[in-house]
Amino acid sequence: MENSPKFVDRMRDISSWPEGDSRSLSTRAKKKYNKCKSAIEDYFTSNATIAEITQRAHISEEYLLQLVEKCLMQAEDGDLWGFRALIPGVDVKDYAAHPAPKEETLRPITAGEDQQNLDH
């Protein structure tokens, strides 16, 4: 069993995560979704090591961690992607607030420029 801080940080309440709609998926795609969902549930809620989880799910550690990252991204609706990120073929994008532009790209508008904009 892993006792490192990384392991402790893994534990999360994922009970309210949005579910992926797997009803229209093929049998093969549903199987993949369920396998990945089970691995993610184990990752966040069990004491199993990453090696144990990946061995059970027949996926690589790298792939598991990619799935974890996708599930934790913010969806366009403001919620976490959650299990929706595991639907095969879904395009997962992170809609988290992006930092403001750097100050050097901003410059004050001079009085002349401001007047020109008002004249148009």
PDB file of N, CA and C in Angstrom:
ATOM      1  N   MET A   1       0.840  -1.185   0.000  1.00  0.00           N
ATOM      2  CA  MET A   1       0.000   0.000   0.000  1.00  0.00           C
ATOM      3  C   MET A   1       0.881   1.243   0.000  1.00  0.00           C
ATOM      4  N   GLU A   2       0.502   2.237  -0.799  1.00  0.00           N
ATOM      5  CA  GLU A   2       1.269   3.469  -0.871  1.00  0.00           C
ATOM      6  C   GLU A   2       0.862   4.377   0.286  1.00  0.00           C
ATOM      7  N   ASN A   3       1.842   4.929   0.970  1.00  0.00           N
ATOM      8  CA  ASN A   3       1.558   5.858   2.059  1.00  0.00           C
ATOM      9  C   ASN A   3       2.142   7.230   1.785  1.00  0.00           C
ATOM     10  N   SER A   4       2.560   7.470   0.575  1.00  0.00           N
ATOM     11  CA  SER A   4       3.164   8.750   0.230  1.00  0.00           C
ATOM     12  C   SER A   4       2.095   9.837   0.217  1.00  0.00           C
ATOM     13  N   PRO A   5       2.507  11.106   0.284  1.00  0.00           N
ATOM     14  CA  PRO A   5       1.523  12.194   0.197  1.00  0.00           C
ATOM     15  C   PRO A   5       0.702  12.121  -1.087  1.00  0.00           C
ATOM     16  N   LYS A   6       1.309  11.654  -2.170  1.00  0.00           N
ATOM     17  CA  LYS A   6       0.570  11.525  -3.421  1.00  0.00           C
ATOM     18  C   LYS A   6      -0.649  10.623  -3.243  1.00  0.00           C
ATOM     19  N   PHE A   7      -0.483   9.531  -2.508  1.00  0.00           N
ATOM     20  CA  PHE A   7      -1.582   8.594  -2.297  1.00  0.00           C
ATOM     21  C   PHE A   7      -2.691   9.255  -1.492  1.00  0.00           C
ATOM     22  N   VAL A   8      -2.326   9.954  -0.432  1.00  0.00           N
ATOM     23  CA  VAL A   8      -3.320  10.624   0.402  1.00  0.00           C
ATOM     24  C   VAL A   8      -4.074  11.665  -0.419  1.00  0.00           C
ATOM     25  N   ASP A   9      -3.372  12.391  -1.295  1.00  0.00           N
ATOM     26  CA  ASP A   9      -3.995  13.423  -2.114  1.00  0.00           C
ATOM     27  C   ASP A   9      -4.959  12.852  -3.156  1.00  0.00           C
ATOM     28  N   ARG A  10      -4.844  11.571  -3.449  1.00  0.00           N
ATOM     29  CA  ARG A  10      -5.713  10.938  -4.446  1.00  0.00           C
ATOM     30  C   ARG A  10      -7.149  10.825  -3.979  1.00  0.00           C
ATOM     31  N   MET A  11      -7.358  10.654  -2.699  1.00  0.00           N
ATOM     32  CA  MET A  11      -8.697  10.373  -2.184  1.00  0.00           C
ATOM     33  C   MET A  11      -9.626  11.572  -2.418  1.00  0.00           C
ATOM     34  N   ARG A  12     -10.753  11.309  -3.090  1.00  0.00           N
ATOM     35  CA  ARG A  12     -11.740  12.351  -3.388  1.00  0.00           C
ATOM     36  C   ARG A  12     -13.139  11.761  -3.330  1.00  0.00           C
ATOM     37  N   ASP A  13     -14.089  12.641  -3.073  1.00  0.00           N
ATOM     38  CA  ASP A  13     -15.493  12.239  -3.156  1.00  0.00           C
ATOM     39  C   ASP A  13     -15.926  12.447  -4.604  1.00  0.00           C
ATOM     40  N   ILE A  14     -16.106  11.374  -5.312  1.00  0.00           N
ATOM     41  CA  ILE A  14     -16.493  11.462  -6.722  1.00  0.00           C
ATOM     42  C   ILE A  14     -17.953  11.060  -6.928  1.00  0.00           C
ATOM     43  N   SER A  15     -18.685  10.931  -5.838  1.00  0.00           N
ATOM     44  CA  SER A  15     -20.074  10.459  -5.922  1.00  0.00           C
ATOM     45  C   SER A  15     -20.982  11.420  -6.695  1.00  0.00           C
ATOM     46  N   SER A  16     -20.624  12.688  -6.765  1.00  0.00           N
ATOM     47  CA  SER A  16     -21.470  13.652  -7.472  1.00  0.00           C
ATOM     48  C   SER A  16     -20.930  13.999  -8.862  1.00  0.00           C
ATOM     49  N   TRP A  17     -19.913  13.289  -9.304  1.00  0.00           N
ATOM     50  CA  TRP A  17     -19.367  13.553 -10.638  1.00  0.00           C
ATOM     51  C   TRP A  17     -20.417  13.285 -11.707  1.00  0.00           C
ATOM     52  N   PRO A  18     -20.436  14.120 -12.743  1.00  0.00           N
ATOM     53  CA  PRO A  18     -21.356  13.865 -13.857  1.00  0.00           C
ATOM     54  C   PRO A  18     -21.020  12.538 -14.538  1.00  0.00           C
ATOM     55  N   GLU A  19     -22.061  11.787 -14.855  1.00  0.00           N
ATOM     56  CA  GLU A  19     -21.899  10.495 -15.536  1.00  0.00           C
ATOM     57  C   GLU A  19     -21.807  10.716 -17.041  1.00  0.00           C
ATOM     58  N   GLY A  20     -21.102   9.840 -17.696  1.00  0.00           N
ATOM     59  CA  GLY A  20     -21.093   9.843 -19.147  1.00  0.00           C
ATOM     60  C   GLY A  20     -22.320   9.107 -19.651  1.00  0.00           C
ATOM     61  N   ASP A  21     -22.911   9.574 -20.735  1.00  0.00           N
ATOM     62  CA  ASP A  21     -24.076   8.903 -21.310  1.00  0.00           C
ATOM     63  C   ASP A  21     -23.584   7.813 -22.250  1.00  0.00           C
ATOM     64  N   SER A  22     -23.612   6.596 -21.772  1.00  0.00           N
ATOM     65  CA  SER A  22     -23.079   5.473 -22.545  1.00  0.00           C
ATOM     66  C   SER A  22     -24.168   4.696 -23.283  1.00  0.00           C
ATOM     67  N   ARG A  23     -25.412   5.166 -23.236  1.00  0.00           N
ATOM     68  CA  ARG A  23     -26.527   4.424 -23.840  1.00  0.00           C
ATOM     69  C   ARG A  23     -26.373   4.213 -25.341  1.00  0.00           C
ATOM     70  N   SER A  24     -25.840   5.203 -26.037  1.00  0.00           N
ATOM     71  CA  SER A  24     -25.746   5.092 -27.499  1.00  0.00           C
ATOM     72  C   SER A  24     -24.423   4.477 -27.966  1.00  0.00           C
ATOM     73  N   LEU A  25     -23.573   4.093 -27.034  1.00  0.00           N
ATOM     74  CA  LEU A  25     -22.282   3.512 -27.399  1.00  0.00           C
ATOM     75  C   LEU A  25     -22.428   2.063 -27.851  1.00  0.00           C
ATOM     76  N   SER A  26     -21.497   1.652 -28.684  1.00  0.00           N
ATOM     77  CA  SER A  26     -21.450   0.244 -29.082  1.00  0.00           C
ATOM     78  C   SER A  26     -21.071  -0.592 -27.863  1.00  0.00           C
ATOM     79  N   THR A  27     -21.268  -1.879 -27.951  1.00  0.00           N
ATOM     80  CA  THR A  27     -20.921  -2.777 -26.847  1.00  0.00           C
ATOM     81  C   THR A  27     -19.445  -2.640 -26.490  1.00  0.00           C
ATOM     82  N   ARG A  28     -18.612  -2.568 -27.507  1.00  0.00           N
ATOM     83  CA  ARG A  28     -17.166  -2.434 -27.278  1.00  0.00           C
ATOM     84  C   ARG A  28     -16.827  -1.116 -26.571  1.00  0.00           C
ATOM     85  N   ALA A  29     -17.433  -0.017 -27.020  1.00  0.00           N
ATOM     86  CA  ALA A  29     -17.177   1.293 -26.417  1.00  0.00           C
ATOM     87  C   ALA A  29     -17.692   1.341 -24.975  1.00  0.00           C
ATOM     88  N   LYS A  30     -18.854   0.714 -24.716  1.00  0.00           N
ATOM     89  CA  LYS A  30     -19.383   0.652 -23.344  1.00  0.00           C
ATOM     90  C   LYS A  30     -18.429  -0.103 -22.430  1.00  0.00           C
ATOM     91  N   LYS A  31     -17.878  -1.180 -22.959  1.00  0.00           N
ATOM     92  CA  LYS A  31     -16.937  -1.984 -22.180  1.00  0.00           C
ATOM     93  C   LYS A  31     -15.700  -1.150 -21.818  1.00  0.00           C
ATOM     94  N   LYS A  32     -15.205  -0.390 -22.791  1.00  0.00           N
ATOM     95  CA  LYS A  32     -14.043   0.474 -22.550  1.00  0.00           C
ATOM     96  C   LYS A  32     -14.389   1.550 -21.516  1.00  0.00           C
ATOM     97  N   TYR A  33     -15.558   2.179 -21.672  1.00  0.00           N
ATOM     98  CA  TYR A  33     -16.001   3.209 -20.726  1.00  0.00           C
ATOM     99  C   TYR A  33     -16.074   2.637 -19.312  1.00  0.00           C
ATOM    100  N   ASN A  34     -16.712   1.486 -19.159  1.00  0.00           N
ATOM    101  CA  ASN A  34     -16.873   0.882 -17.831  1.00  0.00           C
ATOM    102  C   ASN A  34     -15.536   0.481 -17.217  1.00  0.00           C
ATOM    103  N   LYS A  35     -14.615  -0.001 -18.045  1.00  0.00           N
ATOM    104  CA  LYS A  35     -13.285  -0.374 -17.560  1.00  0.00           C
ATOM    105  C   LYS A  35     -12.545   0.862 -17.044  1.00  0.00           C
ATOM    106  N   CYS A  36     -12.598   1.934 -17.808  1.00  0.00           N
ATOM    107  CA  CYS A  36     -11.921   3.172 -17.404  1.00  0.00           C
ATOM    108  C   CYS A  36     -12.595   3.789 -16.180  1.00  0.00           C
ATOM    109  N   LYS A  37     -13.924   3.743 -16.143  1.00  0.00           N
ATOM    110  CA  LYS A  37     -14.654   4.284 -14.995  1.00  0.00           C
ATOM    111  C   LYS A  37     -14.281   3.532 -13.723  1.00  0.00           C
ATOM    112  N   SER A  38     -14.203   2.226 -13.812  1.00  0.00           N
ATOM    113  CA  SER A  38     -13.820   1.413 -12.661  1.00  0.00           C
ATOM    114  C   SER A  38     -12.408   1.764 -12.186  1.00  0.00           C
ATOM    115  N   ALA A  39     -11.497   1.963 -13.128  1.00  0.00           N
ATOM    116  CA  ALA A  39     -10.121   2.330 -12.775  1.00  0.00           C
ATOM    117  C   ALA A  39     -10.083   3.696 -12.086  1.00  0.00           C
ATOM    118  N   ILE A  40     -10.860   4.640 -12.587  1.00  0.00           N
ATOM    119  CA  ILE A  40     -10.909   5.980 -11.983  1.00  0.00           C
ATOM    120  C   ILE A  40     -11.523   5.904 -10.585  1.00  0.00           C
ATOM    121  N   GLU A  41     -12.577   5.130 -10.423  1.00  0.00           N
ATOM    122  CA  GLU A  41     -13.185   4.961  -9.097  1.00  0.00           C
ATOM    123  C   GLU A  41     -12.173   4.368  -8.121  1.00  0.00           C
ATOM    124  N   ASP A  42     -11.449   3.352  -8.563  1.00  0.00           N
ATOM    125  CA  ASP A  42     -10.415   2.756  -7.707  1.00  0.00           C
ATOM    126  C   ASP A  42      -9.339   3.774  -7.362  1.00  0.00           C
ATOM    127  N   TYR A  43      -8.938   4.562  -8.339  1.00  0.00           N
ATOM    128  CA  TYR A  43      -7.870   5.546  -8.139  1.00  0.00           C
ATOM    129  C   TYR A  43      -8.241   6.540  -7.039  1.00  0.00           C
ATOM    130  N   PHE A  44      -9.469   7.039  -7.071  1.00  0.00           N
ATOM    131  CA  PHE A  44      -9.864   8.092  -6.137  1.00  0.00           C
ATOM    132  C   PHE A  44     -10.478   7.594  -4.833  1.00  0.00           C
ATOM    133  N   THR A  45     -10.894   6.333  -4.771  1.00  0.00           N
ATOM    134  CA  THR A  45     -11.634   5.906  -3.580  1.00  0.00           C
ATOM    135  C   THR A  45     -11.067   4.686  -2.872  1.00  0.00           C
ATOM    136  N   SER A  46     -10.041   4.066  -3.433  1.00  0.00           N
ATOM    137  CA  SER A  46      -9.528   2.846  -2.803  1.00  0.00           C
ATOM    138  C   SER A  46      -8.086   3.022  -2.338  1.00  0.00           C
ATOM    139  N   ASN A  47      -7.632   2.058  -1.590  1.00  0.00           N
ATOM    140  CA  ASN A  47      -6.244   2.041  -1.140  1.00  0.00           C
ATOM    141  C   ASN A  47      -5.352   1.258  -2.091  1.00  0.00           C
ATOM    142  N   ALA A  48      -5.878   0.875  -3.235  1.00  0.00           N
ATOM    143  CA  ALA A  48      -5.099   0.114  -4.211  1.00  0.00           C
ATOM    144  C   ALA A  48      -3.981   0.981  -4.776  1.00  0.00           C
ATOM    145  N   THR A  49      -2.862   0.359  -5.039  1.00  0.00           N
ATOM    146  CA  THR A  49      -1.753   1.086  -5.659  1.00  0.00           C
ATOM    147  C   THR A  49      -2.077   1.325  -7.129  1.00  0.00           C
ATOM    148  N   ILE A  50      -1.366   2.256  -7.724  1.00  0.00           N
ATOM    149  CA  ILE A  50      -1.551   2.523  -9.149  1.00  0.00           C
ATOM    150  C   ILE A  50      -1.242   1.268  -9.951  1.00  0.00           C
ATOM    151  N   ALA A  51      -0.213   0.546  -9.548  1.00  0.00           N
ATOM    152  CA  ALA A  51       0.149  -0.701 -10.242  1.00  0.00           C
ATOM    153  C   ALA A  51      -0.991  -1.712 -10.178  1.00  0.00           C
ATOM    154  N   GLU A  52      -1.639  -1.827  -9.029  1.00  0.00           N
ATOM    155  CA  GLU A  52      -2.765  -2.761  -8.893  1.00  0.00           C
ATOM    156  C   GLU A  52      -3.937  -2.336  -9.773  1.00  0.00           C
ATOM    157  N   ILE A  53      -4.212  -1.046  -9.785  1.00  0.00           N
ATOM    158  CA  ILE A  53      -5.334  -0.526 -10.579  1.00  0.00           C
ATOM    159  C   ILE A  53      -5.092  -0.761 -12.064  1.00  0.00           C
ATOM    160  N   THR A  54      -3.897  -0.428 -12.520  1.00  0.00           N
ATOM    161  CA  THR A  54      -3.603  -0.576 -13.947  1.00  0.00           C
ATOM    162  C   THR A  54      -3.562  -2.039 -14.365  1.00  0.00           C
ATOM    163  N   GLN A  55      -3.115  -2.889 -13.478  1.00  0.00           N
ATOM    164  CA  GLN A  55      -3.087  -4.321 -13.790  1.00  0.00           C
ATOM    165  C   GLN A  55      -4.511  -4.871 -13.918  1.00  0.00           C
ATOM    166  N   ARG A  56      -5.393  -4.480 -12.994  1.00  0.00           N
ATOM    167  CA  ARG A  56      -6.793  -4.934 -13.048  1.00  0.00           C
ATOM    168  C   ARG A  56      -7.505  -4.430 -14.296  1.00  0.00           C
ATOM    169  N   ALA A  57      -7.220  -3.180 -14.648  1.00  0.00           N
ATOM    170  CA  ALA A  57      -7.917  -2.565 -15.784  1.00  0.00           C
ATOM    171  C   ALA A  57      -7.236  -2.848 -17.129  1.00  0.00           C
ATOM    172  N   HIS A  58      -6.057  -3.426 -17.078  1.00  0.00           N
ATOM    173  CA  HIS A  58      -5.284  -3.701 -18.300  1.00  0.00           C
ATOM    174  C   HIS A  58      -5.003  -2.419 -19.077  1.00  0.00           C
ATOM    175  N   ILE A  59      -4.567  -1.385 -18.344  1.00  0.00           N
ATOM    176  CA  ILE A  59      -4.165  -0.122 -18.963  1.00  0.00           C
ATOM    177  C   ILE A  59      -2.819   0.285 -18.390  1.00  0.00           C
ATOM    178  N   SER A  60      -2.134   1.177 -19.078  1.00  0.00           N
ATOM    179  CA  SER A  60      -0.832   1.632 -18.596  1.00  0.00           C
ATOM    180  C   SER A  60      -1.012   2.700 -17.520  1.00  0.00           C
ATOM    181  N   GLU A  61       0.016   2.888 -16.724  1.00  0.00           N
ATOM    182  CA  GLU A  61      -0.006   3.937 -15.706  1.00  0.00           C
ATOM    183  C   GLU A  61      -0.165   5.300 -16.369  1.00  0.00           C
ATOM    184  N   GLU A  62       0.540   5.498 -17.474  1.00  0.00           N
ATOM    185  CA  GLU A  62       0.458   6.771 -18.194  1.00  0.00           C
ATOM    186  C   GLU A  62      -0.976   7.052 -18.644  1.00  0.00           C
ATOM    187  N   TYR A  63      -1.644   6.044 -19.177  1.00  0.00           N
ATOM    188  CA  TYR A  63      -3.021   6.209 -19.640  1.00  0.00           C
ATOM    189  C   TYR A  63      -3.960   6.507 -18.469  1.00  0.00           C
ATOM    190  N   LEU A  64      -3.778   5.806 -17.361  1.00  0.00           N
ATOM    191  CA  LEU A  64      -4.600   6.058 -16.171  1.00  0.00           C
ATOM    192  C   LEU A  64      -4.456   7.511 -15.733  1.00  0.00           C
ATOM    193  N   LEU A  65      -3.227   7.995 -15.671  1.00  0.00           N
ATOM    194  CA  LEU A  65      -2.997   9.368 -15.219  1.00  0.00           C
ATOM    195  C   LEU A  65      -3.546  10.389 -16.214  1.00  0.00           C
ATOM    196  N   GLN A  66      -3.549  10.053 -17.510  1.00  0.00           N
ATOM    197  CA  GLN A  66      -4.181  10.928 -18.502  1.00  0.00           C
ATOM    198  C   GLN A  66      -5.688  10.995 -18.266  1.00  0.00           C
ATOM    199  N   LEU A  67      -6.286   9.851 -17.963  1.00  0.00           N
ATOM    200  CA  LEU A  67      -7.724   9.817 -17.678  1.00  0.00           C
ATOM    201  C   LEU A  67      -8.052  10.636 -16.435  1.00  0.00           C
ATOM    202  N   VAL A  68      -7.230  10.486 -15.400  1.00  0.00           N
ATOM    203  CA  VAL A  68      -7.419  11.248 -14.161  1.00  0.00           C
ATOM    204  C   VAL A  68      -7.404  12.740 -14.477  1.00  0.00           C
ATOM    205  N   GLU A  69      -6.411  13.158 -15.253  1.00  0.00           N
ATOM    206  CA  GLU A  69      -6.271  14.571 -15.602  1.00  0.00           C
ATOM    207  C   GLU A  69      -7.498  15.072 -16.358  1.00  0.00           C
ATOM    208  N   LYS A  70      -7.977  14.290 -17.307  1.00  0.00           N
ATOM    209  CA  LYS A  70      -9.156  14.691 -18.081  1.00  0.00           C
ATOM    210  C   LYS A  70     -10.394  14.801 -17.195  1.00  0.00           C
ATOM    211  N   CYS A  71     -10.580  13.850 -16.302  1.00  0.00           N
ATOM    212  CA  CYS A  71     -11.747  13.872 -15.412  1.00  0.00           C
ATOM    213  C   CYS A  71     -11.751  15.105 -14.516  1.00  0.00           C
ATOM    214  N   LEU A  72     -10.570  15.599 -14.173  1.00  0.00           N
ATOM    215  CA  LEU A  72     -10.457  16.739 -13.267  1.00  0.00           C
ATOM    216  C   LEU A  72     -10.504  18.089 -13.980  1.00  0.00           C
ATOM    217  N   MET A  73     -10.578  18.073 -15.310  1.00  0.00           N
ATOM    218  CA  MET A  73     -10.679  19.330 -16.056  1.00  0.00           C
ATOM    219  C   MET A  73     -12.089  19.897 -15.922  1.00  0.00           C
ATOM    220  N   GLN A  74     -12.180  21.217 -16.117  1.00  0.00           N
ATOM    221  CA  GLN A  74     -13.474  21.886 -16.037  1.00  0.00           C
ATOM    222  C   GLN A  74     -14.143  21.865 -17.406  1.00  0.00           C
ATOM    223  N   ALA A  75     -15.384  21.425 -17.435  1.00  0.00           N
ATOM    224  CA  ALA A  75     -16.158  21.391 -18.677  1.00  0.00           C
ATOM    225  C   ALA A  75     -16.765  22.766 -18.950  1.00  0.00           C
ATOM    226  N   GLU A  76     -17.326  22.925 -20.118  1.00  0.00           N
ATOM    227  CA  GLU A  76     -17.913  24.203 -20.520  1.00  0.00           C
ATOM    228  C   GLU A  76     -19.045  24.643 -19.592  1.00  0.00           C
ATOM    229  N   ASP A  77     -19.744  23.682 -18.972  1.00  0.00           N
ATOM    230  CA  ASP A  77     -20.850  24.011 -18.071  1.00  0.00           C
ATOM    231  C   ASP A  77     -20.380  24.437 -16.679  1.00  0.00           C
ATOM    232  N   GLY A  78     -19.061  24.448 -16.456  1.00  0.00           N
ATOM    233  CA  GLY A  78     -18.509  24.879 -15.174  1.00  0.00           C
ATOM    234  C   GLY A  78     -18.249  23.751 -14.196  1.00  0.00           C
ATOM    235  N   ASP A  79     -18.822  22.576 -14.442  1.00  0.00           N
ATOM    236  CA  ASP A  79     -18.576  21.403 -13.594  1.00  0.00           C
ATOM    237  C   ASP A  79     -17.313  20.693 -14.062  1.00  0.00           C
ATOM    238  N   LEU A  80     -16.831  19.784 -13.234  1.00  0.00           N
ATOM    239  CA  LEU A  80     -15.743  18.923 -13.683  1.00  0.00           C
ATOM    240  C   LEU A  80     -16.257  18.043 -14.813  1.00  0.00           C
ATOM    241  N   TRP A  81     -15.359  17.632 -15.681  1.00  0.00           N
ATOM    242  CA  TRP A  81     -15.749  16.675 -16.714  1.00  0.00           C
ATOM    243  C   TRP A  81     -16.217  15.386 -16.066  1.00  0.00           C
ATOM    244  N   GLY A  82     -15.541  14.974 -14.988  1.00  0.00           N
ATOM    245  CA  GLY A  82     -15.929  13.752 -14.303  1.00  0.00           C
ATOM    246  C   GLY A  82     -15.914  12.561 -15.243  1.00  0.00           C
ATOM    247  N   PHE A  83     -16.894  11.679 -15.081  1.00  0.00           N
ATOM    248  CA  PHE A  83     -16.939  10.459 -15.884  1.00  0.00           C
ATOM    249  C   PHE A  83     -17.287  10.729 -17.351  1.00  0.00           C
ATOM    250  N   ARG A  84     -17.816  11.908 -17.655  1.00  0.00           N
ATOM    251  CA  ARG A  84     -18.109  12.263 -19.053  1.00  0.00           C
ATOM    252  C   ARG A  84     -16.838  12.234 -19.898  1.00  0.00           C
ATOM    253  N   ALA A  85     -15.700  12.519 -19.259  1.00  0.00           N
ATOM    254  CA  ALA A  85     -14.420  12.540 -19.976  1.00  0.00           C
ATOM    255  C   ALA A  85     -14.001  11.160 -20.454  1.00  0.00           C
ATOM    256  N   LEU A  86     -14.631  10.128 -19.939  1.00  0.00           N
ATOM    257  CA  LEU A  86     -14.246   8.758 -20.274  1.00  0.00           C
ATOM    258  C   LEU A  86     -15.000   8.193 -21.473  1.00  0.00           C
ATOM    259  N   ILE A  87     -15.992   8.912 -21.973  1.00  0.00           N
ATOM    260  CA  ILE A  87     -16.753   8.440 -23.131  1.00  0.00           C
ATOM    261  C   ILE A  87     -15.813   8.404 -24.339  1.00  0.00           C
ATOM    262  N   PRO A  88     -15.660   7.240 -24.960  1.00  0.00           N
ATOM    263  CA  PRO A  88     -14.763   7.149 -26.115  1.00  0.00           C
ATOM    264  C   PRO A  88     -15.151   8.144 -27.211  1.00  0.00           C
ATOM    265  N   GLY A  89     -14.164   8.880 -27.699  1.00  0.00           N
ATOM    266  CA  GLY A  89     -14.377   9.828 -28.786  1.00  0.00           C
ATOM    267  C   GLY A  89     -14.760  11.230 -28.364  1.00  0.00           C
ATOM    268  N   VAL A  90     -15.048  11.447 -27.076  1.00  0.00           N
ATOM    269  CA  VAL A  90     -15.424  12.791 -26.631  1.00  0.00           C
ATOM    270  C   VAL A  90     -14.178  13.680 -26.623  1.00  0.00           C
ATOM    271  N   ASP A  91     -14.342  14.933 -27.053  1.00  0.00           N
ATOM    272  CA  ASP A  91     -13.234  15.886 -27.110  1.00  0.00           C
ATOM    273  C   ASP A  91     -13.202  16.666 -25.796  1.00  0.00           C
ATOM    274  N   VAL A  92     -12.309  16.287 -24.909  1.00  0.00           N
ATOM    275  CA  VAL A  92     -12.223  16.903 -23.584  1.00  0.00           C
ATOM    276  C   VAL A  92     -11.347  18.148 -23.673  1.00  0.00           C
ATOM    277  N   LYS A  93     -11.933  19.295 -23.347  1.00  0.00           N
ATOM    278  CA  LYS A  93     -11.204  20.565 -23.311  1.00  0.00           C
ATOM    279  C   LYS A  93     -11.360  21.148 -21.922  1.00  0.00           C
ATOM    280  N   ASP A  94     -10.324  21.822 -21.461  1.00  0.00           N
ATOM    281  CA  ASP A  94     -10.369  22.449 -20.145  1.00  0.00           C
ATOM    282  C   ASP A  94     -10.872  23.880 -20.298  1.00  0.00           C
ATOM    283  N   TYR A  95     -12.020  24.163 -19.710  1.00  0.00           N
ATOM    284  CA  TYR A  95     -12.619  25.493 -19.782  1.00  0.00           C
ATOM    285  C   TYR A  95     -12.378  26.291 -18.508  1.00  0.00           C
ATOM    286  N   ALA A  96     -11.367  25.897 -17.742  1.00  0.00           N
ATOM    287  CA  ALA A  96     -11.030  26.644 -16.530  1.00  0.00           C
ATOM    288  C   ALA A  96     -10.610  28.052 -16.930  1.00  0.00           C
ATOM    289  N   ALA A  97     -10.840  28.992 -16.042  1.00  0.00           N
ATOM    290  CA  ALA A  97     -10.476  30.381 -16.314  1.00  0.00           C
ATOM    291  C   ALA A  97      -9.000  30.467 -16.667  1.00  0.00           C
ATOM    292  N   HIS A  98      -8.724  31.174 -17.725  1.00  0.00           N
ATOM    293  CA  HIS A  98      -7.340  31.345 -18.151  1.00  0.00           C
ATOM    294  C   HIS A  98      -6.804  32.645 -17.570  1.00  0.00           C
ATOM    295  N   PRO A  99      -5.500  32.712 -17.305  1.00  0.00           N
ATOM    296  CA  PRO A  99      -4.936  33.921 -16.711  1.00  0.00           C
ATOM    297  C   PRO A  99      -5.107  35.131 -17.627  1.00  0.00           C
ATOM    298  N   ALA A 100      -5.163  36.298 -17.028  1.00  0.00           N
ATOM    299  CA  ALA A 100      -5.285  37.546 -17.773  1.00  0.00           C
ATOM    300  C   ALA A 100      -4.040  37.746 -18.634  1.00  0.00           C
ATOM    301  N   PRO A 101      -4.159  38.533 -19.714  1.00  0.00           N
ATOM    302  CA  PRO A 101      -2.984  38.795 -20.553  1.00  0.00           C
ATOM    303  C   PRO A 101      -1.867  39.440 -19.741  1.00  0.00           C
ATOM    304  N   LYS A 102      -0.648  39.194 -20.168  1.00  0.00           N
ATOM    305  CA  LYS A 102       0.498  39.779 -19.472  1.00  0.00           C
ATOM    306  C   LYS A 102       0.472  41.290 -19.633  1.00  0.00           C
ATOM    307  N   GLU A 103       1.006  41.984 -18.641  1.00  0.00           N
ATOM    308  CA  GLU A 103       0.955  43.443 -18.642  1.00  0.00           C
ATOM    309  C   GLU A 103       1.641  44.060 -19.843  1.00  0.00           C
ATOM    310  N   GLU A 104       2.743  43.449 -20.322  1.00  0.00           N
ATOM    311  CA  GLU A 104       3.452  44.067 -21.437  1.00  0.00           C
ATOM    312  C   GLU A 104       2.620  44.071 -22.714  1.00  0.00           C
ATOM    313  N   THR A 105       1.577  43.267 -22.808  1.00  0.00           N
ATOM    314  CA  THR A 105       0.729  43.280 -23.998  1.00  0.00           C
ATOM    315  C   THR A 105      -0.345  44.363 -23.896  1.00  0.00           C
ATOM    316  N   LEU A 106      -0.524  44.916 -22.719  1.00  0.00           N
ATOM    317  CA  LEU A 106      -1.493  45.987 -22.524  1.00  0.00           C
ATOM    318  C   LEU A 106      -0.768  47.324 -22.526  1.00  0.00           C
ATOM    319  N   ARG A 107      -1.355  48.311 -23.175  1.00  0.00           N
ATOM    320  CA  ARG A 107      -0.763  49.642 -23.126  1.00  0.00           C
ATOM    321  C   ARG A 107      -1.894  50.651 -23.017  1.00  0.00           C
ATOM    322  N   PRO A 108      -1.610  51.756 -22.379  1.00  0.00           N
ATOM    323  CA  PRO A 108      -2.670  52.758 -22.234  1.00  0.00           C
ATOM    324  C   PRO A 108      -3.025  53.379 -23.584  1.00  0.00           C
ATOM    325  N   ILE A 109      -4.272  53.745 -23.720  1.00  0.00           N
ATOM    326  CA  ILE A 109      -4.724  54.425 -24.936  1.00  0.00           C
ATOM    327  C   ILE A 109      -4.505  55.913 -24.728  1.00  0.00           C
ATOM    328  N   THR A 110      -3.872  56.539 -25.711  1.00  0.00           N
ATOM    329  CA  THR A 110      -3.630  57.980 -25.593  1.00  0.00           C
ATOM    330  C   THR A 110      -4.914  58.725 -25.924  1.00  0.00           C
ATOM    331  N   ALA A 111      -4.964  59.966 -25.541  1.00  0.00           N
ATOM    332  CA  ALA A 111      -6.166  60.769 -25.762  1.00  0.00           C
ATOM    333  C   ALA A 111      -6.517  60.844 -27.237  1.00  0.00           C
ATOM    334  N   GLY A 112      -5.521  60.966 -28.097  1.00  0.00           N
ATOM    335  CA  GLY A 112      -5.764  61.035 -29.539  1.00  0.00           C
ATOM    336  C   GLY A 112      -6.374  59.754 -30.075  1.00  0.00           C
ATOM    337  N   GLU A 113      -5.875  58.617 -29.627  1.00  0.00           N
ATOM    338  CA  GLU A 113      -6.409  57.329 -30.081  1.00  0.00           C
ATOM    339  C   GLU A 113      -7.845  57.159 -29.617  1.00  0.00           C
ATOM    340  N   ASP A 114      -8.113  57.569 -28.397  1.00  0.00           N
ATOM    341  CA  ASP A 114      -9.449  57.435 -27.843  1.00  0.00           C
ATOM    342  C   ASP A 114     -10.431  58.262 -28.668  1.00  0.00           C
ATOM    343  N   GLN A 115     -10.058  59.476 -29.025  1.00  0.00           N
ATOM    344  CA  GLN A 115     -10.919  60.348 -29.806  1.00  0.00           C
ATOM    345  C   GLN A 115     -11.153  59.756 -31.193  1.00  0.00           C
ATOM    346  N   GLN A 116     -10.094  59.173 -31.800  1.00  0.00           N
ATOM    347  CA  GLN A 116     -10.248  58.568 -33.123  1.00  0.00           C
ATOM    348  C   GLN A 116     -11.282  57.452 -33.082  1.00  0.00           C
ATOM    349  N   ASN A 117     -11.262  56.630 -32.024  1.00  0.00           N
ATOM    350  CA  ASN A 117     -12.217  55.532 -31.910  1.00  0.00           C
ATOM    351  C   ASN A 117     -13.645  56.041 -31.764  1.00  0.00           C
ATOM    352  N   LEU A 118     -13.813  57.190 -31.108  1.00  0.00           N
ATOM    353  CA  LEU A 118     -15.150  57.750 -30.926  1.00  0.00           C
ATOM    354  C   LEU A 118     -15.682  58.348 -32.223  1.00  0.00           C
ATOM    355  N   ASP A 119     -14.770  58.815 -33.087  1.00  0.00           N
ATOM    356  CA  ASP A 119     -15.184  59.445 -34.338  1.00  0.00           C
ATOM    357  C   ASP A 119     -15.686  58.436 -35.366  1.00  0.00           C
ATOM    358  N   HIS A 120     -15.379  57.154 -35.204  1.00  0.00           N
ATOM    359  CA  HIS A 120     -15.767  56.150 -36.204  1.00  0.00           C
ATOM    360  C   HIS A 120     -17.090  55.571 -35.929  1.00  0.00           C
TER     361      HIS A 120
END
